[in-house]
Amino acid sequence: MAEINDLHTPERPVAGYVAVQIITLIASIIAIIWGVALAFAVAFPGPSGEWAAMGIFFAYIVNFPVGAITLALALVLRRGSPKLRRFCIITATIALLIPLLVHAIDRYNTRWKYKIVSCPDTALPRNFG
């Protein structure tokens, strides 16, 4: 018959699960660095700024799948390291939120940069539509 202390001893982490956690953690940190770089590229687009909006697309393409896979594996692999699991959940959540941050930065920039200024009709030239 099992004693009470045997029932409450924590299970040792499985080495394969810990390796998967480390790989997904590294991928998630790389995706966070990529997303922060894209956020700066969108926030400070440079002289022309034509391709700055592509940063939103690239942030969604890279960060969203990496964050979703990291979060799914962190929630499924319960026999891995508990500390790594918490860190994977945190980094996956940050990686999932970065595309939304990049999109918000772009919306803020375009809202103020291309603000339409109303002018009276008399200020327009006669041949203007």
Protein backbone atom coordinates (compact mmCIF):
# COMPACT_ATOMS: atom_id res chain seq x y z
CA MET A 1 0.00 0.00 0.00
CA ALA A 2 1.32 3.42 -0.98
CA GLU A 3 2.09 5.82 1.79
CA ILE A 4 0.79 9.36 1.81
CA ASN A 5 4.26 10.85 1.22
CA ASP A 6 4.66 8.77 -1.95
CA LEU A 7 1.49 10.25 -3.43
CA HIS A 8 2.63 13.85 -3.05
CA THR A 9 6.18 13.60 -4.33
CA PRO A 10 6.57 15.60 -7.51
CA GLU A 11 7.42 13.70 -10.66
CA ARG A 12 10.84 14.22 -12.13
CA PRO A 13 10.88 16.15 -15.40
CA VAL A 14 11.26 14.00 -18.50
CA ALA A 15 14.43 14.90 -20.42
CA GLY A 16 12.69 14.90 -23.82
CA TYR A 17 10.01 17.29 -22.62
CA VAL A 18 12.60 19.62 -21.13
CA ALA A 19 14.48 19.65 -24.45
CA VAL A 20 11.27 20.56 -26.30
CA GLN A 21 10.62 23.31 -23.76
CA ILE A 22 14.10 24.73 -24.26
CA ILE A 23 13.74 24.67 -28.06
CA THR A 24 10.36 26.38 -27.98
CA LEU A 25 11.65 28.90 -25.45
CA ILE A 26 14.58 29.80 -27.71
CA ALA A 27 12.25 30.08 -30.72
CA SER A 28 9.88 32.30 -28.75
CA ILE A 29 12.69 34.59 -27.59
CA ILE A 30 13.94 34.91 -31.18
CA ALA A 31 10.38 35.75 -32.28
CA ILE A 32 10.14 38.41 -29.56
CA ILE A 33 13.41 39.99 -30.72
CA TRP A 34 12.14 39.86 -34.32
CA GLY A 35 8.85 41.49 -33.31
CA VAL A 36 10.54 44.26 -31.35
CA ALA A 37 12.79 44.99 -34.34
CA LEU A 38 9.70 45.18 -36.57
CA ALA A 39 7.98 47.45 -34.05
CA PHE A 40 10.91 49.86 -34.30
CA ALA A 41 10.85 49.59 -38.10
CA VAL A 42 7.16 50.50 -38.13
CA ALA A 43 7.52 53.25 -35.53
CA PHE A 44 10.44 54.90 -37.33
CA PRO A 45 9.89 54.11 -41.02
CA GLY A 46 12.60 56.27 -42.55
CA PRO A 47 12.38 58.87 -45.32
CA SER A 48 10.00 57.15 -47.72
CA GLY A 49 8.11 54.86 -45.35
CA GLU A 50 6.51 52.93 -48.21
CA TRP A 51 7.42 49.49 -46.93
CA ALA A 52 6.98 50.14 -43.22
CA ALA A 53 3.55 48.50 -43.19
CA MET A 54 5.12 45.22 -44.31
CA GLY A 55 6.42 44.92 -40.76
CA ILE A 56 2.87 44.18 -39.62
CA PHE A 57 2.61 41.32 -42.08
CA PHE A 58 5.98 39.87 -41.08
CA ALA A 59 5.14 40.18 -37.39
CA TYR A 60 1.93 38.19 -37.87
CA ILE A 61 3.67 35.61 -40.08
CA VAL A 62 6.49 34.91 -37.61
CA ASN A 63 5.29 35.78 -34.12
CA PHE A 64 1.77 34.41 -34.20
CA PRO A 65 2.62 30.81 -35.21
CA VAL A 66 5.70 30.66 -32.97
CA GLY A 67 3.76 32.07 -30.02
CA ALA A 68 0.81 29.74 -30.59
CA ILE A 69 2.99 26.64 -30.89
CA THR A 70 5.03 27.61 -27.82
CA LEU A 71 1.90 28.24 -25.79
CA ALA A 72 0.30 24.97 -26.91
CA LEU A 73 3.40 22.95 -26.09
CA ALA A 74 3.81 24.71 -22.74
CA LEU A 75 0.25 23.84 -21.80
CA VAL A 76 0.43 20.25 -23.07
CA LEU A 77 3.85 19.20 -21.78
CA ARG A 78 3.13 19.03 -18.07
CA ARG A 79 5.90 16.57 -17.27
CA GLY A 80 8.62 19.00 -18.24
CA SER A 81 10.27 21.48 -15.94
CA PRO A 82 7.67 23.65 -14.13
CA LYS A 83 9.94 26.72 -14.16
CA LEU A 84 10.57 26.39 -17.88
CA ARG A 85 6.86 25.86 -18.41
CA ARG A 86 6.01 29.16 -16.73
CA PHE A 87 8.71 30.97 -18.67
CA CYS A 88 7.44 29.41 -21.94
CA ILE A 89 3.90 30.59 -21.19
CA ILE A 90 5.10 34.13 -20.48
CA THR A 91 7.28 34.36 -23.60
CA ALA A 92 4.54 32.81 -25.75
CA THR A 93 2.04 35.38 -24.52
CA ILE A 94 4.47 38.21 -25.28
CA ALA A 95 5.16 36.74 -28.74
CA LEU A 96 1.42 36.56 -29.41
CA LEU A 97 0.86 40.18 -28.32
CA ILE A 98 3.70 41.73 -30.32
CA PRO A 99 1.88 41.67 -33.71
CA LEU A 100 -1.00 43.53 -32.11
CA LEU A 101 1.47 46.07 -30.72
CA VAL A 102 3.08 46.51 -34.15
CA HIS A 103 -0.35 46.98 -35.71
CA ALA A 104 -1.29 49.57 -33.07
CA ILE A 105 1.97 51.45 -33.67
CA ASP A 106 1.27 51.54 -37.39
CA ARG A 107 -2.30 52.74 -36.85
CA TYR A 108 -1.05 55.48 -34.53
CA ASN A 109 1.62 56.60 -37.01
CA THR A 110 -0.70 56.68 -40.01
CA ARG A 111 -3.41 58.44 -38.04
CA TRP A 112 -1.17 61.38 -37.20
CA LYS A 113 1.08 61.41 -40.23
CA TYR A 114 -1.64 61.50 -42.87
CA LYS A 115 -4.21 63.56 -41.04
CA ILE A 116 -6.53 65.25 -43.51
CA VAL A 117 -6.70 68.97 -42.98
CA SER A 118 -9.96 70.56 -43.98
CA CYS A 119 -9.81 73.79 -45.87
CA PRO A 120 -12.51 76.13 -47.12
CA ASP A 121 -13.72 75.77 -50.70
CA THR A 122 -12.31 79.16 -51.64
CA ALA A 123 -8.77 77.90 -51.00
CA LEU A 124 -9.03 75.32 -53.79
CA PRO A 125 -8.03 76.25 -57.33
CA ARG A 126 -10.82 76.71 -59.88
CA ASN A 127 -9.89 73.66 -61.99
CA PHE A 128 -9.66 71.37 -58.98
CA GLY A 129 -12.33 68.61 -59.23
